[in-house]
């Protein structure tokens, strides 16, 4: 299906996660399957894919077994944005992938801000939700500005809402060719963990998911 792609097969004896994690140190992207135990939303990730996603030195793309083959690769690219420096590698990877495939990009940002009632003599909060929403939209626009300049041919749409990030990411990624999220490892090989959002998205997404750590984020997927 892709005769222009050069492949080199390797047969290695050893523990699969260890081998793939070692290979990730020189790879641009590691692609693994996800062996969920059922088609239910609560299906667990396979141990190999989860360990590689957590410990890989490069971006990891996890392809679930329930991905629709007839729609795979036909949609846009969806990326989660939180406005922090930690999300920059994911943005870079998403833009590079979209540019290499001629896809559009949807940047998803959610916020959930609750007023602190009772701090002013029991009076209810009377702030402006519209103003807060505008501030969040501005945050996303500033995060995207530099990448849009670098990849001017990638059409970009922002989806900024007050809500659950996992719900919105999964909703926006229906029919997408790739969903890109960041990984918030806490540091130290043994103690690395996937962030709550990335872990939950990996368990439930119907399209391939790229988990991008802070190392080597601005790389086009192979």
Protein backbone atom coordinates (compact mmCIF):
# COMPACT_ATOMS: atom_id res chain seq x y z
CA UNK A 1 0.00 0.00 0.00
CA UNK A 2 3.01 2.29 0.41
CA UNK A 3 5.70 1.08 -2.03
CA UNK A 4 7.72 4.27 -1.58
CA UNK A 5 8.33 3.48 2.09
CA UNK A 6 11.53 1.56 2.72
CA UNK A 7 11.25 -1.07 5.43
CA UNK A 8 13.91 -3.02 7.29
CA UNK A 9 12.65 -6.03 9.30
CA UNK A 10 14.39 -6.98 12.52
CA UNK A 11 13.83 -10.08 14.65
CA UNK A 12 14.98 -9.51 18.23
CA UNK A 13 14.91 -11.86 21.19
CA UNK A 14 13.88 -10.09 24.38
CA UNK A 15 11.17 -8.37 26.37
CA UNK A 16 9.01 -6.36 23.91
CA UNK A 17 8.62 -3.14 25.98
CA UNK A 18 12.34 -3.01 26.79
CA UNK A 19 13.29 -3.51 23.14
CA UNK A 20 10.87 -0.88 21.83
CA UNK A 21 11.84 1.64 24.52
CA UNK A 22 15.52 1.17 23.63
CA UNK A 23 14.69 1.64 19.94
CA UNK A 24 12.79 4.85 20.73
CA UNK A 25 16.08 6.54 21.63
CA UNK A 26 17.04 6.66 17.95
CA UNK A 27 13.56 6.61 16.36
CA UNK A 28 11.38 9.48 15.22
CA UNK A 29 8.16 7.67 16.14
CA UNK A 30 7.27 4.29 17.66
CA UNK A 31 3.99 2.71 16.52
CA UNK A 32 2.33 0.00 18.62
CA UNK A 33 -1.02 -1.72 18.71
CA UNK A 34 -3.37 -1.63 21.66
CA UNK A 35 -4.72 -4.96 22.87
CA UNK A 36 -7.84 -3.76 24.67
CA UNK A 37 -9.69 -6.65 26.27
CA UNK A 38 -13.07 -5.58 24.90
CA UNK A 39 -14.76 -2.96 22.76
CA UNK A 40 -16.18 -1.25 25.83
CA UNK A 41 -15.03 2.30 26.73
CA UNK A 42 -13.36 0.91 29.86
CA UNK A 43 -11.15 -1.52 27.91
CA UNK A 44 -7.62 -1.67 29.26
CA UNK A 45 -4.50 -0.90 27.27
CA UNK A 46 -2.17 -3.78 26.62
CA UNK A 47 0.86 -3.87 28.90
CA UNK A 48 3.31 -3.38 26.02
CA UNK A 49 1.62 -0.31 24.54
CA UNK A 50 1.13 1.28 27.94
CA UNK A 51 4.74 0.78 29.04
CA UNK A 52 6.10 2.07 25.74
CA UNK A 53 3.82 5.12 25.83
CA UNK A 54 5.01 5.91 29.35
CA UNK A 55 8.76 5.39 28.92
CA UNK A 56 9.49 6.11 25.26
CA UNK A 57 12.07 8.76 24.40
CA UNK A 58 10.19 9.72 21.22
CA UNK A 59 6.51 10.14 20.30
CA UNK A 60 4.44 6.96 20.43
CA UNK A 61 1.44 6.27 18.22
CA UNK A 62 -1.01 3.74 19.66
CA UNK A 63 -3.48 2.16 17.24
CA UNK A 64 -6.42 0.47 18.89
CA UNK A 65 -7.93 -2.70 17.50
CA UNK A 66 -11.37 -1.08 17.30
CA UNK A 67 -10.21 1.66 14.89
CA UNK A 68 -12.45 1.68 11.82
CA UNK A 69 -10.33 0.53 8.93
CA UNK A 70 -12.55 2.14 6.29
CA UNK A 71 -12.17 5.56 7.89
CA UNK A 72 -8.58 5.38 9.09
CA UNK A 73 -6.40 8.23 7.89
CA UNK A 74 -9.25 10.04 6.13
CA UNK A 75 -9.93 12.82 8.63
CA UNK A 76 -8.20 15.79 10.17
CA UNK A 77 -5.64 15.91 12.96
CA UNK A 78 -6.82 16.74 16.47
CA UNK A 79 -4.49 18.04 19.18
CA UNK A 80 -5.02 18.87 22.84
CA UNK A 81 -3.79 22.33 23.90
CA UNK A 82 -3.53 23.65 27.45
CA UNK A 83 -1.45 26.77 26.78
CA UNK A 84 1.55 25.55 28.75
CA UNK A 85 5.09 24.86 27.54
CA UNK A 86 4.41 21.17 28.13
CA UNK A 87 1.89 21.13 25.27
CA UNK A 88 4.30 22.69 22.75
CA UNK A 89 5.88 19.36 21.64
CA UNK A 90 2.41 17.91 21.00
CA UNK A 91 1.50 20.97 18.94
CA UNK A 92 4.71 20.70 16.95
CA UNK A 93 4.12 17.03 16.23
CA UNK A 94 0.48 17.62 15.24
CA UNK A 95 1.34 20.46 12.86
CA UNK A 96 4.19 18.48 11.27
CA UNK A 97 1.95 15.43 10.80
CA UNK A 98 -0.89 17.51 9.33
CA UNK A 99 1.51 19.25 6.94
CA UNK A 100 3.04 15.95 5.78
CA UNK A 101 -0.40 14.45 5.10
CA UNK A 102 -2.16 17.55 3.73
CA UNK A 103 -4.67 17.53 6.61
CA UNK A 104 -6.38 20.27 8.53
CA UNK A 105 -5.87 20.59 12.28
CA UNK A 106 -8.33 21.05 15.14
CA UNK A 107 -6.89 22.42 18.38
CA UNK A 108 -8.98 21.42 21.41
CA UNK A 109 -8.80 23.41 24.63
CA UNK A 110 -11.13 23.01 27.59
CA UNK A 111 -11.43 24.91 30.80
CA UNK A 112 -13.38 24.31 33.99
CA UNK A 113 -13.41 27.25 36.33
CA UNK A 114 -15.75 27.33 39.32
CA UNK A 115 -16.47 30.55 41.25
CA UNK A 116 -15.62 30.51 44.94
CA UNK A 117 -18.91 31.33 46.58
CA UNK A 118 -19.03 32.31 50.22
CA UNK A 119 -15.77 34.23 50.27
CA UNK A 120 -17.55 37.56 50.28
CA UNK A 121 -20.11 37.42 53.07
CA UNK A 122 -21.98 34.62 51.36
CA UNK A 123 -22.73 36.65 48.24
CA UNK A 124 -22.93 34.65 44.98
CA UNK A 125 -20.30 35.12 42.30
CA UNK A 126 -21.42 37.57 39.60
CA UNK A 127 -18.44 37.40 37.29
CA UNK A 128 -18.51 37.37 33.50
CA UNK A 129 -18.31 33.91 31.95
CA UNK A 130 -17.99 35.50 28.51
CA UNK A 131 -14.83 37.30 29.58
CA UNK A 132 -13.30 34.09 30.93
CA UNK A 133 -14.12 32.26 27.69
CA UNK A 134 -12.50 35.08 25.72
CA UNK A 135 -9.34 34.84 27.82
CA UNK A 136 -9.13 31.09 27.20
CA UNK A 137 -9.60 31.59 23.46
CA UNK A 138 -6.81 34.17 23.45
CA UNK A 139 -4.54 31.72 25.26
CA UNK A 140 -5.08 29.14 22.52
CA UNK A 141 -4.58 31.68 19.74
CA UNK A 142 -1.24 32.69 21.22
CA UNK A 143 -0.17 29.05 21.51
CA UNK A 144 -1.03 28.39 17.86
CA UNK A 145 0.40 31.58 16.36
CA UNK A 146 4.02 30.50 16.04
CA UNK A 147 3.16 27.06 14.66
CA UNK A 148 0.75 28.52 12.10
CA UNK A 149 3.57 30.74 10.86
CA UNK A 150 5.87 27.73 10.56
CA UNK A 151 3.20 25.64 8.79
CA UNK A 152 1.13 28.22 6.84
CA UNK A 153 -0.45 25.58 4.59
CA UNK A 154 -2.15 23.77 7.48
CA UNK A 155 -5.76 24.96 7.99
CA UNK A 156 -6.41 25.38 11.72
CA UNK A 157 -9.66 25.43 13.68
CA UNK A 158 -9.90 26.08 17.41
CA UNK A 159 -12.42 24.32 19.64
CA UNK A 160 -12.46 26.10 23.00
CA UNK A 161 -15.17 25.14 25.48
CA UNK A 162 -15.88 24.83 29.18
CA UNK A 163 -16.00 21.09 29.78
CA UNK A 164 -14.20 17.80 30.29
CA UNK A 165 -11.03 17.57 28.15
CA UNK A 166 -11.39 13.83 27.53
CA UNK A 167 -15.01 14.14 26.39
CA UNK A 168 -14.18 16.99 24.01
CA UNK A 169 -11.03 15.35 22.61
CA UNK A 170 -12.85 12.10 21.90
CA UNK A 171 -15.80 13.93 20.36
CA UNK A 172 -13.64 16.07 18.09
CA UNK A 173 -11.49 13.10 17.06
CA UNK A 174 -14.32 11.00 15.63
CA UNK A 175 -13.26 10.18 12.08
CA UNK A 176 -9.86 11.84 12.60
CA UNK A 177 -6.65 10.44 11.15
CA UNK A 178 -4.76 11.13 14.39
CA UNK A 179 -5.34 12.45 17.90
CA UNK A 180 -2.27 14.04 19.51
CA UNK A 181 -1.89 14.55 23.26
CA UNK A 182 0.97 15.42 25.56
CA UNK A 183 2.38 13.18 28.27
CA UNK A 184 3.05 14.61 31.70
CA UNK A 185 5.74 12.25 32.99
CA UNK A 186 6.80 13.16 36.53
CA UNK A 187 10.48 12.44 35.92
CA UNK A 188 12.73 9.48 36.72
CA UNK A 189 12.41 6.32 34.63
CA UNK A 190 10.77 4.20 37.30
CA UNK A 191 8.32 6.87 38.40
CA UNK A 192 7.13 8.08 34.99
CA UNK A 193 3.35 8.08 34.59
CA UNK A 194 1.00 9.15 31.85
CA UNK A 195 -1.14 12.18 32.61
CA UNK A 196 -4.80 11.57 33.42
CA UNK A 197 -6.06 12.98 30.12
CA UNK A 198 -3.63 11.08 27.88
CA UNK A 199 -4.22 7.82 29.76
CA UNK A 200 -8.02 8.10 29.50
CA UNK A 201 -7.90 9.08 25.85
CA UNK A 202 -5.70 6.09 25.01
CA UNK A 203 -8.25 3.75 26.58
CA UNK A 204 -11.23 5.10 24.65
CA UNK A 205 -10.14 6.64 21.34
CA UNK A 206 -11.38 5.05 18.11
CA UNK A 207 -8.61 6.64 16.02
CA UNK A 208 -4.81 6.33 16.42
CA UNK A 209 -3.42 8.37 19.32
CA UNK A 210 0.02 9.97 19.44
CA UNK A 211 1.49 10.52 22.90
CA UNK A 212 4.23 13.14 22.69
CA UNK A 213 6.68 13.69 25.51
CA UNK A 214 8.76 16.82 25.97
CA UNK A 215 11.70 15.21 24.13
CA UNK A 216 11.63 15.26 20.34
CA UNK A 217 8.13 16.65 20.01
CA UNK A 218 8.59 18.65 16.81
CA UNK A 219 9.00 15.70 14.46
CA UNK A 220 6.77 14.64 11.59
CA UNK A 221 5.37 11.16 12.02
CA UNK A 222 6.74 8.49 9.73
